[in-house]
Amino acid sequence: MSKLFKIDDRLFRTKKATLDFYCALCGVQRSMAYRARLSKKNCLQILIISFVVSCFLFPLMSYRSGFSVFFIWAIFETVTRTMFKKNIPCPHCGFDATLYKKDVREAKKAVEIFWQLKKEQNTSENLES
């Protein structure tokens, strides 16, 4: 019975993985290199970049250049969350846990579309060779 429900080990390792988990649909072990939130390292980067930007803008904007922190913070936050959300869908089966949490029917359609595209790619590769 253990052979029937064996969960596959991943074939490759992700460098500096912050999250290890198994896909709920296909059971493949996955890992993600990005977090959904900013880390301490990101906060330090924001402070350093905003300090440099403020130093360059100070002659033009005076003390108002200090508000550059908020713009840089927003950019970092947007990029971090976009990178995280881009890596959520499983590359093996197309299952997206966040979409499943919002709407089960949409998640099912997304998986079906993933498999249709994969099937079309395989047929086009076979026709070319």
C-alpha atoms as a PDB file:
ATOM      1  CA  MET A   1       0.000   0.000   0.000  1.00  0.00           C
ATOM      2  CA  SER A   2       2.909   2.371   0.582  1.00  0.00           C
ATOM      3  CA  LYS A   3       3.982   2.024  -3.053  1.00  0.00           C
ATOM      4  CA  LEU A   4       0.538   3.101  -4.208  1.00  0.00           C
ATOM      5  CA  PHE A   5       0.631   6.420  -2.339  1.00  0.00           C
ATOM      6  CA  LYS A   6       4.355   7.143  -2.542  1.00  0.00           C
ATOM      7  CA  ILE A   7       5.112  10.845  -2.778  1.00  0.00           C
ATOM      8  CA  ASP A   8       7.777  11.662  -5.350  1.00  0.00           C
ATOM      9  CA  ASP A   9      10.976  13.341  -4.246  1.00  0.00           C
ATOM     10  CA  ARG A  10      12.005  16.378  -6.202  1.00  0.00           C
ATOM     11  CA  LEU A  11      14.637  15.891  -8.848  1.00  0.00           C
ATOM     12  CA  PHE A  12      16.486  19.140  -8.266  1.00  0.00           C
ATOM     13  CA  ARG A  13      17.137  21.430  -5.333  1.00  0.00           C
ATOM     14  CA  THR A  14      16.270  25.108  -5.100  1.00  0.00           C
ATOM     15  CA  LYS A  15      19.042  27.302  -3.771  1.00  0.00           C
ATOM     16  CA  LYS A  16      18.237  28.992  -0.464  1.00  0.00           C
ATOM     17  CA  ALA A  17      14.734  27.584  -0.275  1.00  0.00           C
ATOM     18  CA  THR A  18      12.533  29.444   2.210  1.00  0.00           C
ATOM     19  CA  LEU A  19       9.525  27.135   1.930  1.00  0.00           C
ATOM     20  CA  ASP A  20       9.396  23.360   1.341  1.00  0.00           C
ATOM     21  CA  PHE A  21       6.070  21.625   0.719  1.00  0.00           C
ATOM     22  CA  TYR A  22       4.277  19.008  -1.356  1.00  0.00           C
ATOM     23  CA  CYS A  23       1.892  19.800  -4.178  1.00  0.00           C
ATOM     24  CA  ALA A  24      -1.666  19.011  -3.081  1.00  0.00           C
ATOM     25  CA  LEU A  25      -2.664  17.641  -6.486  1.00  0.00           C
ATOM     26  CA  CYS A  26       0.293  15.688  -7.857  1.00  0.00           C
ATOM     27  CA  GLY A  27       2.290  15.101  -4.664  1.00  0.00           C
ATOM     28  CA  VAL A  28       5.654  16.321  -5.964  1.00  0.00           C
ATOM     29  CA  GLN A  29       7.946  17.876  -3.383  1.00  0.00           C
ATOM     30  CA  ARG A  30       8.381  21.578  -4.120  1.00  0.00           C
ATOM     31  CA  SER A  31      10.296  24.477  -2.683  1.00  0.00           C
ATOM     32  CA  MET A  32      10.154  28.216  -3.136  1.00  0.00           C
ATOM     33  CA  ALA A  33      13.032  30.648  -3.030  1.00  0.00           C
ATOM     34  CA  TYR A  34      10.845  33.702  -2.416  1.00  0.00           C
ATOM     35  CA  ARG A  35       8.788  34.803   0.561  1.00  0.00           C
ATOM     36  CA  ALA A  36       5.498  36.650   0.522  1.00  0.00           C
ATOM     37  CA  ARG A  37       6.775  39.243   2.987  1.00  0.00           C
ATOM     38  CA  LEU A  38       9.863  41.428   3.121  1.00  0.00           C
ATOM     39  CA  SER A  39      12.800  40.013   5.053  1.00  0.00           C
ATOM     40  CA  LYS A  40      15.190  41.885   7.324  1.00  0.00           C
ATOM     41  CA  LYS A  41      17.690  41.929   4.478  1.00  0.00           C
ATOM     42  CA  ASN A  42      15.121  43.603   2.218  1.00  0.00           C
ATOM     43  CA  CYS A  43      14.409  46.247   4.876  1.00  0.00           C
ATOM     44  CA  LEU A  44      18.114  47.000   5.137  1.00  0.00           C
ATOM     45  CA  GLN A  45      18.331  47.284   1.350  1.00  0.00           C
ATOM     46  CA  ILE A  46      15.372  49.679   1.349  1.00  0.00           C
ATOM     47  CA  LEU A  47      17.042  51.886   3.938  1.00  0.00           C
ATOM     48  CA  ILE A  48      20.368  51.984   2.106  1.00  0.00           C
ATOM     49  CA  ILE A  49      18.814  52.681  -1.295  1.00  0.00           C
ATOM     50  CA  SER A  50      16.505  55.354   0.105  1.00  0.00           C
ATOM     51  CA  PHE A  51      19.435  57.026   1.879  1.00  0.00           C
ATOM     52  CA  VAL A  52      21.412  57.178  -1.373  1.00  0.00           C
ATOM     53  CA  VAL A  53      18.408  58.450  -3.333  1.00  0.00           C
ATOM     54  CA  SER A  54      17.689  61.051  -0.643  1.00  0.00           C
ATOM     55  CA  CYS A  55      21.304  62.261  -0.772  1.00  0.00           C
ATOM     56  CA  PHE A  56      21.036  62.770  -4.538  1.00  0.00           C
ATOM     57  CA  LEU A  57      17.632  64.456  -4.357  1.00  0.00           C
ATOM     58  CA  PHE A  58      18.370  66.658  -1.325  1.00  0.00           C
ATOM     59  CA  PRO A  59      19.670  69.644  -3.351  1.00  0.00           C
ATOM     60  CA  LEU A  60      16.484  69.636  -5.428  1.00  0.00           C
ATOM     61  CA  MET A  61      13.836  68.702  -2.882  1.00  0.00           C
ATOM     62  CA  SER A  62      15.334  69.561   0.522  1.00  0.00           C
ATOM     63  CA  TYR A  63      13.930  67.436   3.362  1.00  0.00           C
ATOM     64  CA  ARG A  64      11.050  66.198   1.234  1.00  0.00           C
ATOM     65  CA  SER A  65      13.523  63.790  -0.362  1.00  0.00           C
ATOM     66  CA  GLY A  66      13.146  61.679   2.789  1.00  0.00           C
ATOM     67  CA  PHE A  67       9.770  60.519   1.517  1.00  0.00           C
ATOM     68  CA  SER A  68      11.574  58.464  -1.119  1.00  0.00           C
ATOM     69  CA  VAL A  69      11.603  55.677   1.495  1.00  0.00           C
ATOM     70  CA  PHE A  70       7.908  55.051   0.926  1.00  0.00           C
ATOM     71  CA  PHE A  71       8.217  54.850  -2.864  1.00  0.00           C
ATOM     72  CA  ILE A  72      11.146  52.444  -2.664  1.00  0.00           C
ATOM     73  CA  TRP A  73       9.310  50.397  -0.038  1.00  0.00           C
ATOM     74  CA  ALA A  74       6.271  50.128  -2.328  1.00  0.00           C
ATOM     75  CA  ILE A  75       8.461  49.001  -5.228  1.00  0.00           C
ATOM     76  CA  PHE A  76      10.168  46.337  -3.095  1.00  0.00           C
ATOM     77  CA  GLU A  77       6.826  45.116  -1.742  1.00  0.00           C
ATOM     78  CA  THR A  78       5.303  44.851  -5.220  1.00  0.00           C
ATOM     79  CA  VAL A  79       8.270  43.004  -6.695  1.00  0.00           C
ATOM     80  CA  THR A  80       8.516  40.608  -3.736  1.00  0.00           C
ATOM     81  CA  ARG A  81       4.849  39.652  -3.839  1.00  0.00           C
ATOM     82  CA  THR A  82       4.854  39.322  -7.624  1.00  0.00           C
ATOM     83  CA  MET A  83       7.844  36.967  -7.539  1.00  0.00           C
ATOM     84  CA  PHE A  84       6.177  34.896  -4.807  1.00  0.00           C
ATOM     85  CA  LYS A  85       2.836  34.643  -6.626  1.00  0.00           C
ATOM     86  CA  LYS A  86       4.580  33.719  -9.864  1.00  0.00           C
ATOM     87  CA  ASN A  87       6.083  30.631  -8.205  1.00  0.00           C
ATOM     88  CA  ILE A  88       2.925  29.334  -6.488  1.00  0.00           C
ATOM     89  CA  PRO A  89       1.430  27.278  -9.383  1.00  0.00           C
ATOM     90  CA  CYS A  90       2.936  23.817  -9.669  1.00  0.00           C
ATOM     91  CA  PRO A  91       5.092  23.471 -12.810  1.00  0.00           C
ATOM     92  CA  HIS A  92       4.206  19.756 -13.030  1.00  0.00           C
ATOM     93  CA  CYS A  93       0.398  19.802 -12.816  1.00  0.00           C
ATOM     94  CA  GLY A  94      -0.631  23.482 -12.882  1.00  0.00           C
ATOM     95  CA  PHE A  95      -2.332  23.455  -9.469  1.00  0.00           C
ATOM     96  CA  ASP A  96      -2.523  26.920  -7.864  1.00  0.00           C
ATOM     97  CA  ALA A  97      -3.298  26.816  -4.134  1.00  0.00           C
ATOM     98  CA  THR A  98      -4.219  30.498  -3.880  1.00  0.00           C
ATOM     99  CA  LEU A  99      -6.683  30.199  -6.741  1.00  0.00           C
ATOM    100  CA  TYR A 100      -8.106  27.033  -5.170  1.00  0.00           C
ATOM    101  CA  LYS A 101      -8.621  28.890  -1.905  1.00  0.00           C
ATOM    102  CA  LYS A 102     -10.561  31.648  -3.700  1.00  0.00           C
ATOM    103  CA  ASP A 103     -12.587  29.601  -6.195  1.00  0.00           C
ATOM    104  CA  VAL A 104     -12.467  25.829  -6.652  1.00  0.00           C
ATOM    105  CA  ARG A 105     -14.089  25.873 -10.112  1.00  0.00           C
ATOM    106  CA  GLU A 106     -11.578  28.402 -11.442  1.00  0.00           C
ATOM    107  CA  ALA A 107      -8.714  26.305 -10.057  1.00  0.00           C
ATOM    108  CA  LYS A 108     -10.110  23.237 -11.798  1.00  0.00           C
ATOM    109  CA  LYS A 109     -10.378  25.155 -15.080  1.00  0.00           C
ATOM    110  CA  ALA A 110      -6.801  26.416 -14.686  1.00  0.00           C
ATOM    111  CA  VAL A 111      -5.504  22.855 -14.256  1.00  0.00           C
ATOM    112  CA  GLU A 112      -7.493  21.687 -17.300  1.00  0.00           C
ATOM    113  CA  ILE A 113      -6.112  24.556 -19.381  1.00  0.00           C
ATOM    114  CA  PHE A 114      -2.585  23.723 -18.172  1.00  0.00           C
ATOM    115  CA  TRP A 115      -2.961  20.110 -19.340  1.00  0.00           C
ATOM    116  CA  GLN A 116      -4.476  21.147 -22.682  1.00  0.00           C
ATOM    117  CA  LEU A 117      -1.541  23.484 -23.343  1.00  0.00           C
ATOM    118  CA  LYS A 118       0.924  20.798 -22.317  1.00  0.00           C
ATOM    119  CA  LYS A 119      -0.800  18.312 -24.618  1.00  0.00           C
ATOM    120  CA  GLU A 120      -0.672  20.777 -27.535  1.00  0.00           C
ATOM    121  CA  GLN A 121       3.024  21.448 -26.916  1.00  0.00           C
ATOM    122  CA  ASN A 122       3.777  17.723 -26.934  1.00  0.00           C
ATOM    123  CA  THR A 123       1.877  17.158 -30.168  1.00  0.00           C
ATOM    124  CA  SER A 124       3.573  20.105 -31.866  1.00  0.00           C
ATOM    125  CA  GLU A 125       7.006  18.821 -30.770  1.00  0.00           C
ATOM    126  CA  ASN A 126       6.186  15.373 -32.135  1.00  0.00           C
ATOM    127  CA  LEU A 127       5.091  16.834 -35.475  1.00  0.00           C
ATOM    128  CA  GLU A 128       8.285  18.874 -35.824  1.00  0.00           C
ATOM    129  CA  SER A 129      10.572  15.907 -35.243  1.00  0.00           C
END
